[in-house]
Amino acid sequence: MNKYELAVVLSAKLEDEERAAALEKIQGYIARYGGTVTNVDDWGKKRLAYEIQKMKEGFYYFIQFEAEPTCPGEVESHVRIMEPVIRYLCVKQNA
């Protein structure tokens, strides 16, 4: 099992319930492909470095999880097409 971190920026236009549902959906994808979420770090609403889709702010989340090497690719393929996600990045953490 390798350790990974998934950084996700969600649209600032979302309500609290919609944000929670999107986060649960992402965690569900991780669990579906054999990963276990170890930590979810909520940074809240932050200003974006540059405008994306005419938005200047977004909600930042960092999800740490452990999984087999095939899991991040599968999770990324689903996160890529999620409507509320404006940016994401999955990286492997060094041991």
N, C-alpha and C. Protein backbone atom coordinates (compact mmCIF):
# COMPACT_ATOMS: atom_id res chain seq x y z
N MET A 1 0.85 -1.19 0.00
CA MET A 1 0.00 0.00 0.00
C MET A 1 0.88 1.24 0.00
N ASN A 2 0.60 2.14 -0.90
CA ASN A 2 1.31 3.41 -0.97
C ASN A 2 0.45 4.52 -0.38
N LYS A 3 1.11 5.60 0.04
CA LYS A 3 0.39 6.75 0.59
C LYS A 3 0.27 7.82 -0.50
N TYR A 4 -0.93 8.39 -0.62
CA TYR A 4 -1.20 9.40 -1.63
C TYR A 4 -1.90 10.59 -0.98
N GLU A 5 -1.82 11.74 -1.67
CA GLU A 5 -2.58 12.92 -1.25
C GLU A 5 -3.29 13.47 -2.47
N LEU A 6 -4.59 13.68 -2.31
CA LEU A 6 -5.41 14.23 -3.38
C LEU A 6 -5.83 15.64 -2.98
N ALA A 7 -5.39 16.62 -3.74
CA ALA A 7 -5.79 18.01 -3.51
C ALA A 7 -6.95 18.32 -4.45
N VAL A 8 -8.04 18.84 -3.89
CA VAL A 8 -9.23 19.13 -4.69
C VAL A 8 -9.67 20.56 -4.40
N VAL A 9 -9.99 21.30 -5.46
CA VAL A 9 -10.56 22.64 -5.32
C VAL A 9 -11.98 22.57 -5.86
N LEU A 10 -12.94 22.86 -4.97
CA LEU A 10 -14.34 22.85 -5.36
C LEU A 10 -14.83 24.27 -5.59
N SER A 11 -15.83 24.40 -6.42
CA SER A 11 -16.40 25.70 -6.76
C SER A 11 -16.89 26.44 -5.51
N ALA A 12 -16.66 27.74 -5.48
CA ALA A 12 -17.09 28.57 -4.34
C ALA A 12 -18.59 28.82 -4.37
N LYS A 13 -19.24 28.49 -5.48
CA LYS A 13 -20.68 28.73 -5.62
C LYS A 13 -21.53 27.65 -4.96
N LEU A 14 -20.89 26.59 -4.46
CA LEU A 14 -21.62 25.46 -3.88
C LEU A 14 -22.12 25.78 -2.47
N GLU A 15 -23.28 25.22 -2.15
CA GLU A 15 -23.81 25.29 -0.79
C GLU A 15 -23.08 24.25 0.07
N ASP A 16 -23.23 24.34 1.40
CA ASP A 16 -22.56 23.42 2.32
C ASP A 16 -22.91 21.96 2.04
N GLU A 17 -24.21 21.70 1.79
CA GLU A 17 -24.64 20.32 1.55
C GLU A 17 -24.04 19.77 0.27
N GLU A 18 -23.97 20.60 -0.77
CA GLU A 18 -23.41 20.17 -2.06
C GLU A 18 -21.92 19.88 -1.94
N ARG A 19 -21.22 20.71 -1.16
CA ARG A 19 -19.78 20.49 -0.93
C ARG A 19 -19.56 19.18 -0.18
N ALA A 20 -20.36 18.95 0.85
CA ALA A 20 -20.23 17.72 1.64
C ALA A 20 -20.53 16.51 0.77
N ALA A 21 -21.53 16.61 -0.10
CA ALA A 21 -21.89 15.49 -0.98
C ALA A 21 -20.76 15.20 -1.98
N ALA A 22 -20.15 16.24 -2.53
CA ALA A 22 -19.05 16.06 -3.47
C ALA A 22 -17.86 15.41 -2.78
N LEU A 23 -17.56 15.83 -1.56
CA LEU A 23 -16.46 15.26 -0.79
C LEU A 23 -16.72 13.79 -0.46
N GLU A 24 -17.95 13.47 -0.08
CA GLU A 24 -18.33 12.09 0.20
C GLU A 24 -18.20 11.22 -1.05
N LYS A 25 -18.58 11.79 -2.19
CA LYS A 25 -18.50 11.06 -3.45
C LYS A 25 -17.04 10.72 -3.78
N ILE A 26 -16.14 11.68 -3.58
CA ILE A 26 -14.71 11.46 -3.83
C ILE A 26 -14.18 10.38 -2.90
N GLN A 27 -14.54 10.46 -1.62
CA GLN A 27 -14.10 9.44 -0.66
C GLN A 27 -14.68 8.08 -1.02
N GLY A 28 -15.89 8.07 -1.57
CA GLY A 28 -16.50 6.82 -2.02
C GLY A 28 -15.72 6.19 -3.17
N TYR A 29 -15.24 7.02 -4.09
CA TYR A 29 -14.42 6.52 -5.20
C TYR A 29 -13.13 5.89 -4.68
N ILE A 30 -12.52 6.54 -3.68
CA ILE A 30 -11.28 6.01 -3.10
C ILE A 30 -11.56 4.64 -2.47
N ALA A 31 -12.64 4.55 -1.72
CA ALA A 31 -12.99 3.28 -1.06
C ALA A 31 -13.34 2.21 -2.09
N ARG A 32 -14.02 2.59 -3.17
CA ARG A 32 -14.45 1.64 -4.19
C ARG A 32 -13.25 0.94 -4.85
N TYR A 33 -12.16 1.67 -5.01
CA TYR A 33 -10.98 1.11 -5.67
C TYR A 33 -9.93 0.61 -4.69
N GLY A 34 -10.36 0.29 -3.47
CA GLY A 34 -9.50 -0.38 -2.51
C GLY A 34 -8.64 0.52 -1.65
N GLY A 35 -8.89 1.81 -1.63
CA GLY A 35 -8.12 2.73 -0.80
C GLY A 35 -8.80 2.99 0.52
N THR A 36 -8.03 3.47 1.49
CA THR A 36 -8.60 3.85 2.79
C THR A 36 -8.18 5.28 3.08
N VAL A 37 -9.16 6.14 3.34
CA VAL A 37 -8.90 7.54 3.64
C VAL A 37 -8.37 7.64 5.06
N THR A 38 -7.20 8.29 5.22
CA THR A 38 -6.61 8.42 6.54
C THR A 38 -6.85 9.80 7.14
N ASN A 39 -7.00 10.84 6.29
CA ASN A 39 -7.19 12.19 6.81
C ASN A 39 -7.80 13.07 5.72
N VAL A 40 -8.69 13.97 6.13
CA VAL A 40 -9.25 14.98 5.23
C VAL A 40 -8.99 16.33 5.85
N ASP A 41 -8.22 17.15 5.16
CA ASP A 41 -7.84 18.47 5.65
C ASP A 41 -8.64 19.52 4.89
N ASP A 42 -9.48 20.26 5.60
CA ASP A 42 -10.34 21.29 5.00
C ASP A 42 -9.69 22.65 5.21
N TRP A 43 -9.24 23.26 4.13
CA TRP A 43 -8.60 24.58 4.23
C TRP A 43 -9.61 25.71 4.08
N GLY A 44 -10.84 25.39 3.72
CA GLY A 44 -11.88 26.41 3.58
C GLY A 44 -11.78 27.17 2.27
N LYS A 45 -12.44 28.32 2.23
CA LYS A 45 -12.48 29.13 1.02
C LYS A 45 -11.21 29.98 0.92
N LYS A 46 -10.53 29.84 -0.20
CA LYS A 46 -9.30 30.60 -0.45
C LYS A 46 -9.37 31.26 -1.82
N ARG A 47 -8.60 32.30 -1.98
CA ARG A 47 -8.49 32.98 -3.27
C ARG A 47 -7.62 32.14 -4.21
N LEU A 48 -8.07 31.98 -5.44
CA LEU A 48 -7.30 31.24 -6.44
C LEU A 48 -6.13 32.09 -6.94
N ALA A 49 -5.07 31.45 -7.37
CA ALA A 49 -3.90 32.16 -7.89
C ALA A 49 -4.25 32.90 -9.18
N TYR A 50 -5.17 32.34 -9.95
CA TYR A 50 -5.64 32.97 -11.17
C TYR A 50 -7.09 32.56 -11.39
N GLU A 51 -7.79 33.31 -12.20
CA GLU A 51 -9.20 33.07 -12.43
C GLU A 51 -9.41 31.78 -13.23
N ILE A 52 -10.31 30.94 -12.75
CA ILE A 52 -10.65 29.68 -13.42
C ILE A 52 -12.16 29.67 -13.64
N GLN A 53 -12.61 29.52 -14.87
CA GLN A 53 -14.03 29.50 -15.21
C GLN A 53 -14.75 30.71 -14.61
N LYS A 54 -14.12 31.86 -14.69
CA LYS A 54 -14.65 33.13 -14.17
C LYS A 54 -14.87 33.12 -12.66
N MET A 55 -14.14 32.25 -11.94
CA MET A 55 -14.21 32.20 -10.48
C MET A 55 -12.88 32.66 -9.90
N LYS A 56 -12.96 33.41 -8.82
CA LYS A 56 -11.75 33.91 -8.17
C LYS A 56 -11.45 33.19 -6.86
N GLU A 57 -12.42 32.40 -6.35
CA GLU A 57 -12.26 31.69 -5.08
C GLU A 57 -12.71 30.24 -5.23
N GLY A 58 -12.22 29.41 -4.32
CA GLY A 58 -12.61 28.00 -4.31
C GLY A 58 -12.40 27.41 -2.93
N PHE A 59 -13.03 26.27 -2.68
CA PHE A 59 -12.86 25.56 -1.41
C PHE A 59 -11.79 24.49 -1.59
N TYR A 60 -10.77 24.53 -0.74
CA TYR A 60 -9.63 23.62 -0.85
C TYR A 60 -9.77 22.46 0.14
N TYR A 61 -9.54 21.24 -0.37
CA TYR A 61 -9.54 20.03 0.46
C TYR A 61 -8.31 19.19 0.10
N PHE A 62 -7.69 18.62 1.12
CA PHE A 62 -6.55 17.73 0.92
C PHE A 62 -6.91 16.40 1.58
N ILE A 63 -6.97 15.35 0.77
CA ILE A 63 -7.39 14.03 1.24
C ILE A 63 -6.18 13.10 1.20
N GLN A 64 -5.75 12.63 2.36
CA GLN A 64 -4.67 11.64 2.42
C GLN A 64 -5.30 10.25 2.45
N PHE A 65 -4.73 9.34 1.66
CA PHE A 65 -5.25 7.97 1.65
C PHE A 65 -4.15 6.98 1.30
N GLU A 66 -4.40 5.73 1.67
CA GLU A 66 -3.49 4.63 1.35
C GLU A 66 -4.19 3.74 0.36
N ALA A 67 -3.45 3.31 -0.68
CA ALA A 67 -4.07 2.48 -1.71
C ALA A 67 -3.01 1.77 -2.53
N GLU A 68 -3.48 0.84 -3.35
CA GLU A 68 -2.62 0.16 -4.31
C GLU A 68 -2.30 1.14 -5.45
N PRO A 69 -1.24 0.90 -6.21
CA PRO A 69 -0.83 1.83 -7.28
C PRO A 69 -1.87 2.10 -8.36
N THR A 70 -2.86 1.22 -8.54
CA THR A 70 -3.87 1.45 -9.58
C THR A 70 -4.99 2.40 -9.15
N CYS A 71 -5.17 2.57 -7.86
CA CYS A 71 -6.28 3.35 -7.32
C CYS A 71 -6.27 4.83 -7.74
N PRO A 72 -5.14 5.55 -7.62
CA PRO A 72 -5.18 6.98 -7.96
C PRO A 72 -5.62 7.28 -9.39
N GLY A 73 -5.21 6.46 -10.33
CA GLY A 73 -5.62 6.67 -11.71
C GLY A 73 -7.12 6.52 -11.89
N GLU A 74 -7.69 5.51 -11.22
CA GLU A 74 -9.13 5.29 -11.29
C GLU A 74 -9.90 6.44 -10.63
N VAL A 75 -9.42 6.88 -9.48
CA VAL A 75 -10.07 7.99 -8.76
C VAL A 75 -10.00 9.26 -9.60
N GLU A 76 -8.84 9.54 -10.18
CA GLU A 76 -8.68 10.74 -11.02
C GLU A 76 -9.63 10.72 -12.21
N SER A 77 -9.85 9.55 -12.81
CA SER A 77 -10.74 9.49 -13.97
C SER A 77 -12.17 9.88 -13.60
N HIS A 78 -12.58 9.62 -12.36
CA HIS A 78 -13.92 10.01 -11.92
C HIS A 78 -13.95 11.47 -11.45
N VAL A 79 -12.92 11.90 -10.72
CA VAL A 79 -12.88 13.28 -10.22
C VAL A 79 -12.81 14.27 -11.39
N ARG A 80 -12.13 13.88 -12.45
CA ARG A 80 -11.95 14.74 -13.63
C ARG A 80 -13.29 15.20 -14.19
N ILE A 81 -14.31 14.35 -14.16
CA ILE A 81 -15.59 14.69 -14.80
C ILE A 81 -16.64 15.20 -13.81
N MET A 82 -16.28 15.35 -12.54
CA MET A 82 -17.23 15.86 -11.56
C MET A 82 -17.45 17.36 -11.78
N GLU A 83 -18.70 17.77 -11.82
CA GLU A 83 -19.07 19.16 -12.10
C GLU A 83 -18.51 20.17 -11.07
N PRO A 84 -18.62 19.91 -9.75
CA PRO A 84 -18.17 20.93 -8.79
C PRO A 84 -16.65 21.06 -8.66
N VAL A 85 -15.88 20.12 -9.20
CA VAL A 85 -14.42 20.15 -9.08
C VAL A 85 -13.85 21.05 -10.17
N ILE A 86 -13.11 22.11 -9.74
CA ILE A 86 -12.49 22.98 -10.75
C ILE A 86 -11.01 22.67 -10.94
N ARG A 87 -10.35 22.08 -9.94
CA ARG A 87 -8.97 21.61 -10.08
C ARG A 87 -8.73 20.47 -9.11
N TYR A 88 -7.80 19.56 -9.49
CA TYR A 88 -7.43 18.45 -8.62
C TYR A 88 -6.00 18.05 -8.94
N LEU A 89 -5.36 17.40 -8.00
CA LEU A 89 -4.00 16.86 -8.20
C LEU A 89 -3.79 15.74 -7.20
N CYS A 90 -3.37 14.60 -7.70
CA CYS A 90 -3.08 13.45 -6.84
C CYS A 90 -1.58 13.16 -6.92
N VAL A 91 -0.93 13.12 -5.76
CA VAL A 91 0.52 12.86 -5.72
C VAL A 91 0.80 11.75 -4.72
N LYS A 92 1.88 11.01 -5.00
CA LYS A 92 2.32 9.97 -4.10
C LYS A 92 3.22 10.61 -3.05
N GLN A 93 2.97 10.28 -1.77
CA GLN A 93 3.78 10.81 -0.69
C GLN A 93 4.98 9.91 -0.46
N ASN A 94 6.12 10.50 -0.19
CA ASN A 94 7.30 9.72 0.12
C ASN A 94 7.21 9.17 1.54
N ALA A 95 7.71 7.96 1.73
CA ALA A 95 7.61 7.30 3.03
C ALA A 95 8.52 7.91 4.06
